[in-house]
Amino acid sequence: MSRKKLIFITSLGIIVLLGLSLGIILRRCKFLKSTQIIMGTNVEISIYPPDEEALKAAFNEIKKIDNLMSIYKNDSEVSSLNRQGEMKVSPETLEVIKRALEFSRITGGAFDISCKPLIDLWKKARKEGKVPSKEEINKTLSLVGYEKIILEGNLVSFKERGMEIDLGGIAKGYAVDKAIEVLKKKGIKRALINAGGDLYALGEPPEGKKWSIGIQHPRNQNELFSVIKLRDKGVATSGDYRRYYTIEGKRYSHIINPKTGETVQDVPMSVTIVAADATTADALATGIFVLGATKGIELINTLPGVEGMVISEGMEVKVSRGWGQFQN
């Protein structure tokens, strides 16, 4: 990367790059930019033309989604649903659950919001410094399975007592999309929302026709692996290089395979998905990470409007058929 580049936005695996000349244009065009900590991450919104009301409304929309779906808020709908095992939910929560189940079917269960019991099991293992036994994993697996989530109108229930869901693999992307909808209604035509690596680029930047998005090197945090250019697209990256941990001298990924109950190991190191919306990109980035490079790229090539890049150990790279369009 040229030293004459200005790092505009940083995130988990994604960096938006703007040249120095663009920095000048941003000041001249008076882009309005603000950052808040929501959903456990930095959420940065940049809009043009400047509109304080629109900016506030976009942040409020993301906060609304967080208040509905966070597992870390005891009074959220998702937390209440997990405690009760059955509950009538809001249209937003229902929509996200429906879309999550759709991605579960598309990925053959590689993406599964019912894996919270497994996530909790591995959190306990990390805290205790001891890998879960096969018996513990198998017992926990009985509480996992997207097909055990029942929808009847706006009533959500679980087939097994003790089941819980975690929308962390899709809610941030959904929140970004809902915030973009708010901005559009407010007349905003150029915007960039980045919620900890779940990103949507609306319209055109002041310089050129596309936003430049840097994909972080999975083993060197100070280096970019690739730069892609796009507009009116959602982008998300899942990687093993930020939220990993070590137990008994072995490195473990934070992403768990819902089918085996084990953490995903070694392959891949990074998955970047570009899609028509951030919700799709968010969910598929996790699902493809679980599937692995070969099966993941094969799946992406069957999905209209979705492209992806998978980086595996040894820096082996696989990309979908249409990935090249983002490198021009």
Protein backbone atom coordinates (compact mmCIF):
# COMPACT_ATOMS: atom_id res chain seq x y z
CA MET A 1 0.00 0.00 0.00
CA SER A 2 1.34 3.43 -0.90
CA ARG A 3 2.41 5.66 1.95
CA LYS A 4 0.24 8.35 0.37
CA LYS A 5 -2.89 6.51 1.38
CA LEU A 6 -5.08 7.69 4.22
CA ILE A 7 -6.71 5.00 6.34
CA PHE A 8 -10.26 6.24 6.65
CA ILE A 9 -12.01 3.41 8.47
CA THR A 10 -10.55 0.37 10.19
CA SER A 11 -12.46 -2.71 11.26
CA LEU A 12 -12.14 -6.42 11.92
CA GLY A 13 -10.57 -7.54 8.66
CA ILE A 14 -11.77 -4.65 6.50
CA ILE A 15 -10.15 -1.29 5.89
CA VAL A 16 -11.61 1.46 3.72
CA LEU A 17 -8.85 3.32 1.89
CA LEU A 18 -8.97 6.84 0.59
CA GLY A 19 -6.15 8.71 -1.13
CA LEU A 20 -4.89 12.00 0.25
CA SER A 21 -6.63 13.85 -2.54
CA LEU A 22 -9.87 12.21 -1.49
CA GLY A 23 -9.24 13.37 2.06
CA ILE A 24 -9.19 16.91 0.72
CA ILE A 25 -12.38 16.28 -1.23
CA LEU A 26 -14.05 14.88 1.90
CA ARG A 27 -13.30 18.08 3.76
CA ARG A 28 -14.52 20.18 0.86
CA CYS A 29 -17.69 18.12 0.49
CA LYS A 30 -18.14 18.15 4.27
CA PHE A 31 -18.85 14.47 4.80
CA LEU A 32 -20.41 14.00 8.21
CA LYS A 33 -18.76 11.18 10.14
CA SER A 34 -19.34 9.82 13.63
CA THR A 35 -18.45 6.73 15.66
CA GLN A 36 -20.31 5.08 18.51
CA ILE A 37 -19.82 1.81 20.38
CA ILE A 38 -22.89 -0.33 19.72
CA MET A 39 -23.35 -4.11 19.56
CA GLY A 40 -20.01 -4.51 21.28
CA THR A 41 -18.04 -2.88 18.49
CA ASN A 42 -17.16 0.44 16.87
CA VAL A 43 -19.90 1.55 14.51
CA GLU A 44 -18.80 4.31 12.16
CA ILE A 45 -21.19 6.12 9.84
CA SER A 46 -20.14 8.61 7.16
CA ILE A 47 -22.80 10.42 5.13
CA TYR A 48 -23.09 13.08 2.45
CA PRO A 49 -24.63 15.59 2.34
CA PRO A 50 -24.20 16.38 6.04
CA ASP A 51 -27.41 15.76 7.95
CA GLU A 52 -27.27 15.50 11.75
CA GLU A 53 -30.84 14.26 11.97
CA ALA A 54 -30.22 11.47 9.46
CA LEU A 55 -27.01 10.46 11.22
CA LYS A 56 -28.76 10.29 14.59
CA ALA A 57 -31.64 8.29 13.10
CA ALA A 58 -29.21 5.75 11.60
CA PHE A 59 -27.44 5.24 14.91
CA ASN A 60 -30.78 4.94 16.71
CA GLU A 61 -31.84 2.21 14.28
CA ILE A 62 -28.72 0.19 15.06
CA LYS A 63 -29.30 0.68 18.80
CA LYS A 64 -32.88 -0.53 18.34
CA ILE A 65 -31.67 -3.76 16.70
CA ASP A 66 -29.11 -4.24 19.46
CA ASN A 67 -31.77 -3.78 22.15
CA LEU A 68 -33.93 -6.42 20.47
CA MET A 69 -31.31 -9.04 19.64
CA SER A 70 -28.35 -8.78 22.00
CA ILE A 71 -27.67 -11.84 24.16
CA TYR A 72 -25.77 -9.54 26.52
CA LYS A 73 -28.86 -7.51 27.43
CA ASN A 74 -31.13 -9.37 29.85
CA ASP A 75 -34.20 -7.46 28.69
CA SER A 76 -33.69 -8.04 24.96
CA GLU A 77 -36.20 -10.14 23.04
CA VAL A 78 -33.62 -12.79 22.26
CA SER A 79 -32.56 -13.08 25.92
CA SER A 80 -36.21 -13.38 26.95
CA LEU A 81 -36.84 -15.99 24.27
CA ASN A 82 -33.83 -18.00 25.42
CA ARG A 83 -35.08 -18.00 29.01
CA GLN A 84 -38.68 -18.85 28.17
CA GLY A 85 -38.19 -21.21 25.22
CA GLU A 86 -41.24 -19.66 23.54
CA MET A 87 -42.19 -16.08 22.79
CA LYS A 88 -43.96 -13.75 20.39
CA VAL A 89 -41.32 -11.47 18.89
CA SER A 90 -41.15 -8.18 17.00
CA PRO A 91 -41.21 -8.03 13.19
CA GLU A 92 -37.48 -7.23 13.17
CA THR A 93 -36.46 -10.20 15.31
CA LEU A 94 -38.76 -12.48 13.36
CA GLU A 95 -37.29 -11.30 10.08
CA VAL A 96 -33.74 -11.97 11.24
CA ILE A 97 -34.63 -15.44 12.52
CA LYS A 98 -36.37 -16.27 9.24
CA ARG A 99 -33.38 -15.12 7.24
CA ALA A 100 -31.04 -17.02 9.54
CA LEU A 101 -32.99 -20.22 8.95
CA GLU A 102 -32.78 -19.55 5.21
CA PHE A 103 -28.99 -19.30 5.42
CA SER A 104 -28.92 -22.47 7.52
CA ARG A 105 -30.69 -24.32 4.72
CA ILE A 106 -28.45 -22.77 2.06
CA THR A 107 -25.26 -23.77 3.91
CA GLY A 108 -26.52 -27.18 5.00
CA GLY A 109 -26.38 -26.16 8.64
CA ALA A 110 -22.91 -24.62 8.55
CA PHE A 111 -24.57 -21.39 9.68
CA ASP A 112 -26.83 -22.05 12.65
CA ILE A 113 -28.14 -19.56 15.21
CA SER A 114 -29.03 -22.40 17.61
CA CYS A 115 -25.36 -23.03 18.40
CA LYS A 116 -25.35 -20.80 21.50
CA PRO A 117 -25.05 -23.82 23.87
CA LEU A 118 -21.87 -24.80 22.02
CA ILE A 119 -20.56 -21.24 22.20
CA ASP A 120 -21.18 -21.25 25.96
CA LEU A 121 -19.46 -24.61 26.32
CA TRP A 122 -16.32 -23.34 24.60
CA LYS A 123 -16.41 -20.08 26.58
CA LYS A 124 -16.34 -22.19 29.72
CA ALA A 125 -13.47 -24.23 28.30
CA ARG A 126 -11.49 -21.08 27.59
CA LYS A 127 -12.11 -19.80 31.10
CA GLU A 128 -11.09 -23.09 32.70
CA GLY A 129 -8.24 -23.75 30.27
CA LYS A 130 -9.53 -27.22 29.47
CA VAL A 131 -10.88 -28.56 26.17
CA PRO A 132 -14.44 -29.97 26.40
CA SER A 133 -14.70 -33.75 26.42
CA LYS A 134 -16.41 -35.68 23.65
CA GLU A 135 -19.21 -36.48 26.08
CA GLU A 136 -19.75 -32.79 26.88
CA ILE A 137 -19.77 -31.87 23.21
CA ASN A 138 -22.18 -34.65 22.24
CA LYS A 139 -24.54 -33.75 25.08
CA THR A 140 -24.52 -30.12 24.02
CA LEU A 141 -25.08 -31.03 20.36
CA SER A 142 -28.49 -32.43 21.33
CA LEU A 143 -29.54 -28.81 21.95
CA VAL A 144 -28.35 -27.61 18.55
CA GLY A 145 -30.12 -27.71 15.20
CA TYR A 146 -31.84 -24.97 13.22
CA GLU A 147 -34.60 -27.39 12.24
CA LYS A 148 -35.61 -27.45 15.94
CA ILE A 149 -36.59 -23.77 15.81
CA ILE A 150 -40.35 -23.51 15.24
CA LEU A 151 -42.08 -20.47 13.74
CA GLU A 152 -45.84 -20.02 13.97
CA GLY A 153 -46.72 -16.50 12.91
CA ASN A 154 -44.68 -14.28 15.21
CA LEU A 155 -44.40 -17.03 17.84
CA VAL A 156 -40.93 -18.54 18.09
CA SER A 157 -40.35 -21.73 20.07
CA PHE A 158 -37.77 -24.49 20.49
CA LYS A 159 -38.32 -28.25 20.23
CA GLU A 160 -35.79 -29.03 22.96
CA ARG A 161 -35.79 -27.57 26.44
CA GLY A 162 -32.52 -25.75 27.04
CA MET A 163 -32.09 -24.61 23.45
CA GLU A 164 -30.93 -21.02 22.92
CA ILE A 165 -30.14 -18.87 19.93
CA ASP A 166 -27.41 -16.32 19.22
CA LEU A 167 -27.97 -13.87 16.37
CA GLY A 168 -24.39 -12.54 16.58
CA GLY A 169 -23.52 -13.96 13.17
CA ILE A 170 -26.22 -12.01 11.34
CA ALA A 171 -27.61 -9.18 13.51
CA LYS A 172 -24.81 -6.69 12.83
CA GLY A 173 -25.24 -7.04 9.09
CA TYR A 174 -29.00 -6.65 9.49
CA ALA A 175 -28.52 -3.55 11.65
CA VAL A 176 -26.29 -2.01 8.98
CA ASP A 177 -28.93 -2.67 6.32
CA LYS A 178 -31.69 -1.16 8.44
CA ALA A 179 -29.57 1.93 9.08
CA ILE A 180 -28.96 2.27 5.34
CA GLU A 181 -32.73 2.12 4.79
CA VAL A 182 -33.15 4.97 7.26
CA LEU A 183 -30.52 7.07 5.49
CA LYS A 184 -32.16 6.49 2.10
CA LYS A 185 -35.51 7.64 3.47
CA LYS A 186 -33.77 10.78 4.72
CA GLY A 187 -32.48 11.49 1.21
CA ILE A 188 -28.88 10.39 1.79
CA LYS A 189 -27.33 9.00 -1.40
CA ARG A 190 -23.70 8.59 -0.34
CA ALA A 191 -22.85 6.78 2.86
CA LEU A 192 -20.58 4.23 4.41
CA ILE A 193 -21.57 2.23 7.49
CA ASN A 194 -19.02 -0.02 9.14
CA ALA A 195 -20.07 -2.05 12.18
CA GLY A 196 -16.95 -3.91 13.26
CA GLY A 197 -16.30 -5.40 9.84
CA ASP A 198 -19.89 -5.63 8.60
CA LEU A 199 -20.06 -2.88 6.03
CA TYR A 200 -22.31 -1.32 3.42
CA ALA A 201 -21.14 1.19 0.83
CA LEU A 202 -23.98 3.33 -0.49
CA GLY A 203 -23.65 5.22 -3.76
CA GLU A 204 -20.37 6.69 -4.97
CA PRO A 205 -17.53 8.25 -2.99
CA PRO A 206 -16.58 11.86 -3.84
CA GLU A 207 -13.62 10.66 -5.90
CA GLY A 208 -14.18 7.94 -8.47
CA LYS A 209 -17.14 5.66 -8.90
CA LYS A 210 -16.40 3.03 -6.23
CA TRP A 211 -15.28 2.74 -2.63
CA SER A 212 -11.89 1.09 -2.06
CA ILE A 213 -12.06 -1.63 0.57
CA GLY A 214 -8.85 -3.14 1.91
CA ILE A 215 -8.88 -6.78 3.05
CA GLN A 216 -6.49 -7.31 5.94
CA HIS A 217 -3.71 -9.88 5.70
CA PRO A 218 -4.80 -12.79 7.98
CA ARG A 219 -1.35 -13.20 9.52
CA ASN A 220 0.04 -9.65 9.43
CA GLN A 221 -2.19 -7.04 11.01
CA ASN A 222 -0.13 -4.21 9.51
CA GLU A 223 -0.48 -5.40 5.93
CA LEU A 224 -3.27 -5.48 3.37
CA PHE A 225 -3.78 -8.67 1.44
CA SER A 226 -6.04 -7.22 -1.24
CA VAL A 227 -8.06 -4.16 -2.19
CA ILE A 228 -11.51 -4.40 -3.76
CA LYS A 229 -13.65 -1.64 -5.27
CA LEU A 230 -17.42 -1.53 -5.08
CA ARG A 231 -20.58 0.48 -4.49
CA ASP A 232 -24.08 -0.36 -3.29
CA LYS A 233 -22.83 -3.60 -1.77
CA GLY A 234 -22.52 -5.24 1.62
CA VAL A 235 -19.19 -6.73 2.71
CA ALA A 236 -18.22 -8.93 5.66
CA THR A 237 -15.08 -10.79 6.68
CA SER A 238 -14.75 -13.70 9.10
CA GLY A 239 -11.26 -14.65 10.22
CA ASP A 240 -9.34 -16.65 12.80
CA TYR A 241 -6.79 -13.92 13.48
CA ARG A 242 -8.63 -11.61 15.89
CA ARG A 243 -10.81 -13.57 18.27
CA TYR A 244 -8.82 -16.76 18.64
CA TYR A 245 -7.65 -18.19 21.97
CA THR A 246 -5.24 -20.83 23.25
CA ILE A 247 -6.06 -23.86 25.41
CA GLU A 248 -3.40 -26.34 26.49
CA GLY A 249 -0.95 -24.83 24.03
CA LYS A 250 -3.24 -25.14 21.00
CA ARG A 251 -4.83 -22.27 19.08
CA TYR A 252 -8.62 -22.35 18.69
CA SER A 253 -10.88 -20.29 16.45
CA HIS A 254 -13.92 -18.52 17.92
CA ILE A 255 -16.09 -19.98 15.13
CA ILE A 256 -17.71 -23.32 15.93
CA ASN A 257 -18.92 -25.99 13.53
CA PRO A 258 -22.58 -26.58 14.52
CA LYS A 259 -22.43 -30.11 13.10
CA THR A 260 -19.42 -31.38 15.06
CA GLY A 261 -19.38 -29.07 18.06
CA GLU A 262 -15.68 -28.44 17.48
CA THR A 263 -14.07 -25.11 16.69
CA VAL A 264 -13.09 -24.62 13.05
CA GLN A 265 -9.35 -25.26 12.74
CA ASP A 266 -6.62 -24.24 10.27
CA VAL A 267 -8.68 -23.87 7.12
CA PRO A 268 -9.66 -21.24 6.24
CA MET A 269 -7.92 -18.26 7.83
CA SER A 270 -10.16 -15.60 6.30
CA VAL A 271 -13.43 -15.42 4.37
CA THR A 272 -14.66 -12.23 2.70
CA ILE A 273 -18.13 -12.07 1.19
CA VAL A 274 -19.58 -9.35 -1.04
CA ALA A 275 -23.35 -9.38 -1.50
CA ALA A 276 -26.29 -7.14 -2.29
CA ASP A 277 -26.85 -6.52 1.42
CA ALA A 278 -24.82 -6.71 4.62
CA THR A 279 -27.15 -9.28 6.19
CA THR A 280 -26.31 -11.82 3.49
CA ALA A 281 -22.61 -11.02 3.61
CA ASP A 282 -22.53 -11.35 7.41
CA ALA A 283 -24.27 -14.72 7.58
CA LEU A 284 -22.45 -16.27 4.63
CA ALA A 285 -19.03 -15.15 5.87
CA THR A 286 -19.57 -17.36 8.92
CA GLY A 287 -21.20 -20.21 7.01
CA ILE A 288 -18.47 -20.34 4.36
CA PHE A 289 -15.80 -20.24 7.08
CA VAL A 290 -17.30 -23.42 8.54
CA LEU A 291 -17.68 -25.11 5.14
CA GLY A 292 -14.07 -24.43 4.14
CA ALA A 293 -12.52 -23.14 0.95
CA THR A 294 -13.53 -25.78 -1.59
CA LYS A 295 -17.13 -26.38 -0.53
CA GLY A 296 -17.53 -22.72 0.33
CA ILE A 297 -16.52 -21.40 -3.08
CA GLU A 298 -18.61 -24.08 -4.79
CA LEU A 299 -21.63 -22.86 -2.84
CA ILE A 300 -20.94 -19.19 -3.55
CA ASN A 301 -20.80 -19.93 -7.28
CA THR A 302 -24.41 -21.15 -7.08
CA LEU A 303 -25.72 -18.02 -5.33
CA PRO A 304 -26.78 -15.07 -7.52
CA GLY A 305 -25.35 -11.73 -6.48
CA VAL A 306 -22.84 -13.23 -4.05
CA GLU A 307 -19.05 -13.36 -4.47
CA GLY A 308 -16.32 -14.40 -2.11
CA MET A 309 -12.64 -14.90 -1.39
CA VAL A 310 -11.22 -17.54 0.97
CA ILE A 311 -7.64 -17.43 2.25
CA SER A 312 -6.32 -20.68 3.70
CA GLU A 313 -3.14 -21.76 5.46
CA GLY A 314 -0.09 -21.32 3.30
CA MET A 315 -1.81 -18.24 1.83
CA GLU A 316 -3.73 -20.37 -0.62
CA VAL A 317 -6.48 -18.25 -2.17
CA LYS A 318 -9.73 -19.34 -3.76
CA VAL A 319 -12.19 -16.87 -5.26
CA SER A 320 -15.63 -17.14 -6.80
CA ARG A 321 -16.17 -16.73 -10.52
CA GLY A 322 -17.19 -13.09 -10.38
CA TRP A 323 -14.68 -11.88 -7.79
CA GLY A 324 -12.53 -10.18 -10.43
CA GLN A 325 -15.16 -7.48 -11.00
CA PHE A 326 -14.21 -5.94 -7.65
CA GLN A 327 -10.55 -5.64 -8.51
CA ASN A 328 -10.95 -3.36 -11.53
